[in-house]
């Protein structure tokens, strides 16, 4: 993996206000830490960092120029704006040449699904240990020739020399399922409609029963604070009580 050189600047403003001003100036707030050093608050050019991500992926190796010194770092965490998608903050971890580190590397599925099959990708990344300056940018997994019911496991992914698998070797990366037939889809749809109709009919019956009995239509009992009968029932009870007294 090639190193991407980026000029980093120390940050002296912190908090939400300082971060907003940093972003308005076209830079991204970041924190650099690792190897027992104190965290350093820096900023990176937003456009250069985004370009590096597009070109080399999330595990891009950055050669940071900070105050006349060079540091190698990898993005550990990237926070994006949920609406615009722009990078809002970066956590960077220091690495050294020759150091072996564990990273998540993306899996790219290539090839054609077998006729009548349905692709079921269960892993989008696998964890590997690799030398900091030789981190794979991604792994291609071909499904050409994979029959229905067949699967590719993590141990089947081809790794470059010097890279070791950290994910469970038996973990399923991709599986080919049998696609449902038109008859099966129609049967599932009919079953769902029957369940929906039964549920609606049941709810209507409950509402009708409550309307007939007056249950579920209560008003507070002002003396005890507990629920009492509905106003219509209370009125009938009062009228009945008055009639009995007059008799």
C-alpha atoms as a PDB file:
ATOM      1  CA  UNK A   1       0.000   0.000   0.000  1.00  0.00           C
ATOM      2  CA  UNK A   2       1.371   3.396  -0.983  1.00  0.00           C
ATOM      3  CA  UNK A   3       1.682   6.162   1.567  1.00  0.00           C
ATOM      4  CA  UNK A   4      -0.411   9.284   1.054  1.00  0.00           C
ATOM      5  CA  UNK A   5       1.356  12.427   2.194  1.00  0.00           C
ATOM      6  CA  UNK A   6      -0.870  14.963   3.927  1.00  0.00           C
ATOM      7  CA  UNK A   7       0.049  18.157   5.727  1.00  0.00           C
ATOM      8  CA  UNK A   8      -1.438  18.233   9.245  1.00  0.00           C
ATOM      9  CA  UNK A   9      -1.796  21.292  11.444  1.00  0.00           C
ATOM     10  CA  UNK A  10      -1.996  21.404  15.266  1.00  0.00           C
ATOM     11  CA  UNK A  11      -5.386  22.529  16.637  1.00  0.00           C
ATOM     12  CA  UNK A  12      -5.653  25.047  19.438  1.00  0.00           C
ATOM     13  CA  UNK A  13      -9.458  25.385  19.429  1.00  0.00           C
ATOM     14  CA  UNK A  14     -11.571  22.635  20.926  1.00  0.00           C
ATOM     15  CA  UNK A  15     -15.249  21.943  21.510  1.00  0.00           C
ATOM     16  CA  UNK A  16     -18.134  22.173  19.037  1.00  0.00           C
ATOM     17  CA  UNK A  17     -17.495  25.806  18.177  1.00  0.00           C
ATOM     18  CA  UNK A  18     -13.826  25.211  17.398  1.00  0.00           C
ATOM     19  CA  UNK A  19     -14.655  22.100  15.348  1.00  0.00           C
ATOM     20  CA  UNK A  20     -17.211  24.027  13.292  1.00  0.00           C
ATOM     21  CA  UNK A  21     -14.697  26.778  12.544  1.00  0.00           C
ATOM     22  CA  UNK A  22     -12.126  24.161  11.522  1.00  0.00           C
ATOM     23  CA  UNK A  23     -14.579  22.554   9.116  1.00  0.00           C
ATOM     24  CA  UNK A  24     -15.614  25.921   7.673  1.00  0.00           C
ATOM     25  CA  UNK A  25     -11.965  26.541   6.799  1.00  0.00           C
ATOM     26  CA  UNK A  26     -11.931  23.358   4.668  1.00  0.00           C
ATOM     27  CA  UNK A  27     -10.186  21.142   7.198  1.00  0.00           C
ATOM     28  CA  UNK A  28     -11.268  18.135   9.282  1.00  0.00           C
ATOM     29  CA  UNK A  29     -10.662  17.922  13.059  1.00  0.00           C
ATOM     30  CA  UNK A  30      -8.676  14.836  14.055  1.00  0.00           C
ATOM     31  CA  UNK A  31      -7.003  13.208  17.057  1.00  0.00           C
ATOM     32  CA  UNK A  32      -3.686  11.338  16.682  1.00  0.00           C
ATOM     33  CA  UNK A  33      -2.703   8.799  19.331  1.00  0.00           C
ATOM     34  CA  UNK A  34      -0.897   5.499  19.882  1.00  0.00           C
ATOM     35  CA  UNK A  35       2.346   3.936  21.100  1.00  0.00           C
ATOM     36  CA  UNK A  36       1.875   5.428  24.559  1.00  0.00           C
ATOM     37  CA  UNK A  37       2.005   9.025  23.355  1.00  0.00           C
ATOM     38  CA  UNK A  38      -0.352  11.752  24.525  1.00  0.00           C
ATOM     39  CA  UNK A  39      -3.228  12.406  22.100  1.00  0.00           C
ATOM     40  CA  UNK A  40      -2.524  15.253  19.692  1.00  0.00           C
ATOM     41  CA  UNK A  41      -5.319  17.401  18.280  1.00  0.00           C
ATOM     42  CA  UNK A  42      -4.696  18.161  14.626  1.00  0.00           C
ATOM     43  CA  UNK A  43      -6.595  18.990  11.437  1.00  0.00           C
ATOM     44  CA  UNK A  44      -6.288  17.630   7.897  1.00  0.00           C
ATOM     45  CA  UNK A  45      -7.292  19.139   4.542  1.00  0.00           C
ATOM     46  CA  UNK A  46     -10.807  17.779   3.958  1.00  0.00           C
ATOM     47  CA  UNK A  47     -10.469  17.480   0.174  1.00  0.00           C
ATOM     48  CA  UNK A  48      -7.100  15.671   0.334  1.00  0.00           C
ATOM     49  CA  UNK A  49      -8.361  13.223   2.972  1.00  0.00           C
ATOM     50  CA  UNK A  50     -11.558  12.435   1.035  1.00  0.00           C
ATOM     51  CA  UNK A  51      -9.488  11.821  -2.108  1.00  0.00           C
ATOM     52  CA  UNK A  52      -7.190   9.468  -0.176  1.00  0.00           C
ATOM     53  CA  UNK A  53     -10.203   7.492   1.066  1.00  0.00           C
ATOM     54  CA  UNK A  54     -11.645   7.173  -2.434  1.00  0.00           C
ATOM     55  CA  UNK A  55      -8.297   6.102  -3.865  1.00  0.00           C
ATOM     56  CA  UNK A  56      -6.906   3.772  -1.194  1.00  0.00           C
ATOM     57  CA  UNK A  57      -9.907   2.857   0.943  1.00  0.00           C
ATOM     58  CA  UNK A  58     -10.625   3.121   4.655  1.00  0.00           C
ATOM     59  CA  UNK A  59      -7.221   1.635   5.595  1.00  0.00           C
ATOM     60  CA  UNK A  60      -5.247   4.298   3.745  1.00  0.00           C
ATOM     61  CA  UNK A  61      -1.746   4.768   5.170  1.00  0.00           C
ATOM     62  CA  UNK A  62      -1.178   8.458   5.854  1.00  0.00           C
ATOM     63  CA  UNK A  63       2.262  10.059   6.009  1.00  0.00           C
ATOM     64  CA  UNK A  64       1.478  13.090   8.148  1.00  0.00           C
ATOM     65  CA  UNK A  65       3.728  16.135   8.113  1.00  0.00           C
ATOM     66  CA  UNK A  66       3.353  17.811  11.500  1.00  0.00           C
ATOM     67  CA  UNK A  67       5.585  20.669  12.637  1.00  0.00           C
ATOM     68  CA  UNK A  68       8.471  19.509  10.462  1.00  0.00           C
ATOM     69  CA  UNK A  69       8.282  15.837  11.496  1.00  0.00           C
ATOM     70  CA  UNK A  70       6.717  12.852   9.732  1.00  0.00           C
ATOM     71  CA  UNK A  71       4.317  10.364  11.329  1.00  0.00           C
ATOM     72  CA  UNK A  72       2.649   7.285   9.859  1.00  0.00           C
ATOM     73  CA  UNK A  73      -0.983   6.825  10.805  1.00  0.00           C
ATOM     74  CA  UNK A  74      -4.110   4.860   9.899  1.00  0.00           C
ATOM     75  CA  UNK A  75      -7.731   5.997  10.252  1.00  0.00           C
ATOM     76  CA  UNK A  76      -9.175   4.211  13.283  1.00  0.00           C
ATOM     77  CA  UNK A  77     -12.604   5.853  13.254  1.00  0.00           C
ATOM     78  CA  UNK A  78     -14.262   8.212  10.758  1.00  0.00           C
ATOM     79  CA  UNK A  79     -17.365  10.191  11.723  1.00  0.00           C
ATOM     80  CA  UNK A  80     -19.548  11.495   8.911  1.00  0.00           C
ATOM     81  CA  UNK A  81     -22.399  13.974   8.773  1.00  0.00           C
ATOM     82  CA  UNK A  82     -25.577  11.815   8.635  1.00  0.00           C
ATOM     83  CA  UNK A  83     -27.191  14.071   6.013  1.00  0.00           C
ATOM     84  CA  UNK A  84     -24.377  15.391   3.805  1.00  0.00           C
ATOM     85  CA  UNK A  85     -22.034  12.432   4.263  1.00  0.00           C
ATOM     86  CA  UNK A  86     -19.013  14.699   4.700  1.00  0.00           C
ATOM     87  CA  UNK A  87     -16.242  13.726   7.126  1.00  0.00           C
ATOM     88  CA  UNK A  88     -16.653  15.532  10.449  1.00  0.00           C
ATOM     89  CA  UNK A  89     -13.980  13.959  12.663  1.00  0.00           C
ATOM     90  CA  UNK A  90     -11.172  11.398  12.413  1.00  0.00           C
ATOM     91  CA  UNK A  91      -9.407   9.242  14.997  1.00  0.00           C
ATOM     92  CA  UNK A  92      -5.909   8.365  13.755  1.00  0.00           C
ATOM     93  CA  UNK A  93      -3.653   5.705  15.237  1.00  0.00           C
ATOM     94  CA  UNK A  94       0.136   5.887  14.974  1.00  0.00           C
ATOM     95  CA  UNK A  95       1.912   2.964  13.279  1.00  0.00           C
ATOM     96  CA  UNK A  96       5.513   2.114  12.511  1.00  0.00           C
ATOM     97  CA  UNK A  97       7.157   0.471   9.531  1.00  0.00           C
ATOM     98  CA  UNK A  98       7.571  -3.251  10.185  1.00  0.00           C
ATOM     99  CA  UNK A  99       4.814  -3.247  12.815  1.00  0.00           C
ATOM    100  CA  UNK A 100       2.064  -5.826  12.357  1.00  0.00           C
ATOM    101  CA  UNK A 101      -1.438  -4.573  13.049  1.00  0.00           C
ATOM    102  CA  UNK A 102      -4.956  -6.002  12.850  1.00  0.00           C
ATOM    103  CA  UNK A 103      -7.427  -4.289  10.528  1.00  0.00           C
ATOM    104  CA  UNK A 104     -10.799  -4.924   8.876  1.00  0.00           C
ATOM    105  CA  UNK A 105     -10.455  -5.266   5.110  1.00  0.00           C
ATOM    106  CA  UNK A 106     -13.399  -4.994   2.704  1.00  0.00           C
ATOM    107  CA  UNK A 107     -14.601  -7.941   0.615  1.00  0.00           C
ATOM    108  CA  UNK A 108     -15.699  -7.354  -2.979  1.00  0.00           C
ATOM    109  CA  UNK A 109     -17.882 -10.072  -4.522  1.00  0.00           C
ATOM    110  CA  UNK A 110     -17.322 -10.620  -8.251  1.00  0.00           C
ATOM    111  CA  UNK A 111     -18.824 -13.037 -10.760  1.00  0.00           C
ATOM    112  CA  UNK A 112     -22.300 -14.235 -11.695  1.00  0.00           C
ATOM    113  CA  UNK A 113     -24.785 -15.954  -9.418  1.00  0.00           C
ATOM    114  CA  UNK A 114     -25.735 -19.478 -10.541  1.00  0.00           C
ATOM    115  CA  UNK A 115     -29.067 -19.646 -12.431  1.00  0.00           C
ATOM    116  CA  UNK A 116     -31.940 -19.927  -9.961  1.00  0.00           C
ATOM    117  CA  UNK A 117     -29.680 -18.801  -7.122  1.00  0.00           C
ATOM    118  CA  UNK A 118     -29.805 -15.912  -4.693  1.00  0.00           C
ATOM    119  CA  UNK A 119     -26.676 -14.240  -3.293  1.00  0.00           C
ATOM    120  CA  UNK A 120     -26.419 -14.152   0.518  1.00  0.00           C
ATOM    121  CA  UNK A 121     -23.330 -12.169   1.564  1.00  0.00           C
ATOM    122  CA  UNK A 122     -22.857 -12.618   5.312  1.00  0.00           C
ATOM    123  CA  UNK A 123     -19.525 -10.788   5.731  1.00  0.00           C
ATOM    124  CA  UNK A 124     -18.581  -7.486   4.091  1.00  0.00           C
ATOM    125  CA  UNK A 125     -15.136  -7.386   5.773  1.00  0.00           C
ATOM    126  CA  UNK A 126     -12.706  -9.846   7.312  1.00  0.00           C
ATOM    127  CA  UNK A 127     -10.132  -9.174   9.992  1.00  0.00           C
ATOM    128  CA  UNK A 128      -6.480  -9.731   9.087  1.00  0.00           C
ATOM    129  CA  UNK A 129      -3.072  -9.042  10.592  1.00  0.00           C
ATOM    130  CA  UNK A 130      -0.649  -7.355   8.204  1.00  0.00           C
ATOM    131  CA  UNK A 131       2.471  -5.210   8.226  1.00  0.00           C
ATOM    132  CA  UNK A 132       1.495  -1.554   8.549  1.00  0.00           C
ATOM    133  CA  UNK A 133       2.909  -0.571   5.161  1.00  0.00           C
ATOM    134  CA  UNK A 134       1.445  -3.604   3.356  1.00  0.00           C
ATOM    135  CA  UNK A 135      -2.230  -3.556   4.313  1.00  0.00           C
ATOM    136  CA  UNK A 136      -4.434  -4.970   1.531  1.00  0.00           C
ATOM    137  CA  UNK A 137      -6.927  -2.439   0.180  1.00  0.00           C
ATOM    138  CA  UNK A 138      -9.533  -5.164  -0.338  1.00  0.00           C
ATOM    139  CA  UNK A 139     -10.161  -8.809  -1.228  1.00  0.00           C
ATOM    140  CA  UNK A 140     -11.948 -10.035  -4.345  1.00  0.00           C
ATOM    141  CA  UNK A 141     -14.069 -13.146  -3.851  1.00  0.00           C
ATOM    142  CA  UNK A 142     -15.366 -14.795  -7.024  1.00  0.00           C
ATOM    143  CA  UNK A 143     -18.661 -16.683  -7.002  1.00  0.00           C
ATOM    144  CA  UNK A 144     -18.274 -17.962 -10.557  1.00  0.00           C
ATOM    145  CA  UNK A 145     -19.005 -21.691 -10.554  1.00  0.00           C
ATOM    146  CA  UNK A 146     -20.485 -21.655  -7.037  1.00  0.00           C
ATOM    147  CA  UNK A 147     -23.607 -23.820  -7.154  1.00  0.00           C
ATOM    148  CA  UNK A 148     -26.824 -23.381  -5.181  1.00  0.00           C
ATOM    149  CA  UNK A 149     -26.155 -24.425  -1.593  1.00  0.00           C
ATOM    150  CA  UNK A 150     -22.457 -23.707  -1.941  1.00  0.00           C
ATOM    151  CA  UNK A 151     -20.555 -21.341   0.343  1.00  0.00           C
ATOM    152  CA  UNK A 152     -17.208 -19.572   0.591  1.00  0.00           C
ATOM    153  CA  UNK A 153     -15.669 -19.356   4.057  1.00  0.00           C
ATOM    154  CA  UNK A 154     -13.134 -16.911   5.449  1.00  0.00           C
ATOM    155  CA  UNK A 155     -10.410 -19.551   5.153  1.00  0.00           C
ATOM    156  CA  UNK A 156     -11.093 -19.730   1.390  1.00  0.00           C
ATOM    157  CA  UNK A 157     -10.223 -16.054   0.797  1.00  0.00           C
ATOM    158  CA  UNK A 158      -6.855 -15.693  -0.897  1.00  0.00           C
ATOM    159  CA  UNK A 159      -4.502 -13.584   1.242  1.00  0.00           C
ATOM    160  CA  UNK A 160      -1.249 -11.968   0.102  1.00  0.00           C
ATOM    161  CA  UNK A 161       2.047 -13.157   1.531  1.00  0.00           C
ATOM    162  CA  UNK A 162       2.661 -11.875   5.057  1.00  0.00           C
ATOM    163  CA  UNK A 163      -1.048 -11.385   5.794  1.00  0.00           C
ATOM    164  CA  UNK A 164      -2.719 -13.623   8.388  1.00  0.00           C
ATOM    165  CA  UNK A 165      -6.414 -14.305   8.862  1.00  0.00           C
ATOM    166  CA  UNK A 166      -7.853 -13.190  12.222  1.00  0.00           C
ATOM    167  CA  UNK A 167     -11.547 -13.832  11.499  1.00  0.00           C
ATOM    168  CA  UNK A 168     -12.919 -17.293  12.378  1.00  0.00           C
ATOM    169  CA  UNK A 169     -11.770 -19.457   9.443  1.00  0.00           C
ATOM    170  CA  UNK A 170     -15.156 -21.223   9.343  1.00  0.00           C
ATOM    171  CA  UNK A 171     -17.144 -17.986   9.153  1.00  0.00           C
ATOM    172  CA  UNK A 172     -19.315 -17.887   6.010  1.00  0.00           C
ATOM    173  CA  UNK A 173     -18.445 -15.005   3.699  1.00  0.00           C
ATOM    174  CA  UNK A 174     -20.995 -15.695   0.980  1.00  0.00           C
ATOM    175  CA  UNK A 175     -23.648 -18.347   0.412  1.00  0.00           C
ATOM    176  CA  UNK A 176     -25.801 -19.152  -2.621  1.00  0.00           C
ATOM    177  CA  UNK A 177     -29.436 -19.795  -1.745  1.00  0.00           C
ATOM    178  CA  UNK A 178     -32.165 -21.185  -3.955  1.00  0.00           C
ATOM    179  CA  UNK A 179     -34.267 -18.279  -5.200  1.00  0.00           C
ATOM    180  CA  UNK A 180     -37.989 -18.640  -4.332  1.00  0.00           C
ATOM    181  CA  UNK A 181     -40.277 -19.673  -7.190  1.00  0.00           C
ATOM    182  CA  UNK A 182     -43.212 -17.586  -8.380  1.00  0.00           C
ATOM    183  CA  UNK A 183     -45.579 -20.089  -6.746  1.00  0.00           C
ATOM    184  CA  UNK A 184     -43.765 -19.765  -3.404  1.00  0.00           C
ATOM    185  CA  UNK A 185     -43.881 -15.972  -3.570  1.00  0.00           C
ATOM    186  CA  UNK A 186     -47.596 -16.013  -4.335  1.00  0.00           C
ATOM    187  CA  UNK A 187     -48.252 -18.484  -1.495  1.00  0.00           C
ATOM    188  CA  UNK A 188     -46.314 -16.294   0.961  1.00  0.00           C
ATOM    189  CA  UNK A 189     -48.267 -13.229  -0.200  1.00  0.00           C
ATOM    190  CA  UNK A 190     -51.601 -15.010   0.202  1.00  0.00           C
ATOM    191  CA  UNK A 191     -50.632 -16.206   3.688  1.00  0.00           C
ATOM    192  CA  UNK A 192     -49.644 -12.696   4.708  1.00  0.00           C
ATOM    193  CA  UNK A 193     -52.919 -11.294   3.409  1.00  0.00           C
ATOM    194  CA  UNK A 194     -54.895 -13.952   5.352  1.00  0.00           C
ATOM    195  CA  UNK A 195     -53.046 -13.107   8.572  1.00  0.00           C
ATOM    196  CA  UNK A 196     -53.640  -9.396   7.994  1.00  0.00           C
ATOM    197  CA  UNK A 197     -57.348  -9.995   7.341  1.00  0.00           C
ATOM    198  CA  UNK A 198     -57.713 -12.200  10.434  1.00  0.00           C
ATOM    199  CA  UNK A 199     -56.029  -9.554  12.552  1.00  0.00           C
ATOM    200  CA  UNK A 200     -58.280  -6.800  11.257  1.00  0.00           C
ATOM    201  CA  UNK A 201     -61.406  -8.918  11.775  1.00  0.00           C
ATOM    202  CA  UNK A 202     -60.358  -9.749  15.326  1.00  0.00           C
ATOM    203  CA  UNK A 203     -59.770  -6.105  16.153  1.00  0.00           C
ATOM    204  CA  UNK A 204     -63.165  -5.148  14.728  1.00  0.00           C
ATOM    205  CA  UNK A 205     -64.875  -7.837  16.817  1.00  0.00           C
ATOM    206  CA  UNK A 206     -63.220  -6.546  20.008  1.00  0.00           C
ATOM    207  CA  UNK A 207     -64.319  -2.978  19.254  1.00  0.00           C
ATOM    208  CA  UNK A 208     -67.888  -4.138  18.564  1.00  0.00           C
ATOM    209  CA  UNK A 209     -68.031  -6.175  21.783  1.00  0.00           C
ATOM    210  CA  UNK A 210     -66.786  -3.248  23.859  1.00  0.00           C
ATOM    211  CA  UNK A 211     -69.371  -0.978  22.245  1.00  0.00           C
ATOM    212  CA  UNK A 212     -72.172  -3.376  23.218  1.00  0.00           C
ATOM    213  CA  UNK A 213     -71.053  -3.879  26.829  1.00  0.00           C
ATOM    214  CA  UNK A 214     -69.762  -0.363  27.428  1.00  0.00           C
ATOM    215  CA  UNK A 215     -66.396  -1.737  28.586  1.00  0.00           C
ATOM    216  CA  UNK A 216     -63.387   0.328  27.841  1.00  0.00           C
ATOM    217  CA  UNK A 217     -65.378   3.581  27.954  1.00  0.00           C
ATOM    218  CA  UNK A 218     -64.801   4.802  31.512  1.00  0.00           C
ATOM    219  CA  UNK A 219     -64.702   8.154  33.255  1.00  0.00           C
ATOM    220  CA  UNK A 220     -62.974   9.020  36.520  1.00  0.00           C
ATOM    221  CA  UNK A 221     -64.783   8.531  39.825  1.00  0.00           C
ATOM    222  CA  UNK A 222     -64.278  11.972  41.333  1.00  0.00           C
ATOM    223  CA  UNK A 223     -64.658  10.719  44.897  1.00  0.00           C
ATOM    224  CA  UNK A 224     -62.373   7.691  44.929  1.00  0.00           C
ATOM    225  CA  UNK A 225     -60.110   8.645  42.017  1.00  0.00           C
ATOM    226  CA  UNK A 226     -60.651   5.227  40.444  1.00  0.00           C
ATOM    227  CA  UNK A 227     -62.290   4.503  37.123  1.00  0.00           C
ATOM    228  CA  UNK A 228     -66.073   4.556  37.051  1.00  0.00           C
ATOM    229  CA  UNK A 229     -68.737   3.753  34.462  1.00  0.00           C
ATOM    230  CA  UNK A 230     -69.200   5.700  31.269  1.00  0.00           C
ATOM    231  CA  UNK A 231     -71.196   8.920  31.395  1.00  0.00           C
ATOM    232  CA  UNK A 232     -74.162   7.287  29.667  1.00  0.00           C
ATOM    233  CA  UNK A 233     -74.131   4.421  32.153  1.00  0.00           C
ATOM    234  CA  UNK A 234     -73.705   6.796  35.081  1.00  0.00           C
ATOM    235  CA  UNK A 235     -76.678   8.801  33.851  1.00  0.00           C
ATOM    236  CA  UNK A 236     -78.809   5.680  33.562  1.00  0.00           C
ATOM    237  CA  UNK A 237     -77.765   4.549  37.025  1.00  0.00           C
ATOM    238  CA  UNK A 238     -78.654   7.944  38.494  1.00  0.00           C
ATOM    239  CA  UNK A 239     -82.017   7.952  36.760  1.00  0.00           C
ATOM    240  CA  UNK A 240     -82.746   4.455  37.992  1.00  0.00           C
ATOM    241  CA  UNK A 241     -81.720   5.404  41.506  1.00  0.00           C
ATOM    242  CA  UNK A 242     -83.988   8.458  41.441  1.00  0.00           C
ATOM    243  CA  UNK A 243     -86.904   6.366  40.261  1.00  0.00           C
ATOM    244  CA  UNK A 244     -86.474   3.865  43.050  1.00  0.00           C
ATOM    245  CA  UNK A 245     -86.387   6.642  45.649  1.00  0.00           C
ATOM    246  CA  UNK A 246     -89.601   8.162  44.358  1.00  0.00           C
ATOM    247  CA  UNK A 247     -91.289   4.830  44.639  1.00  0.00           C
END
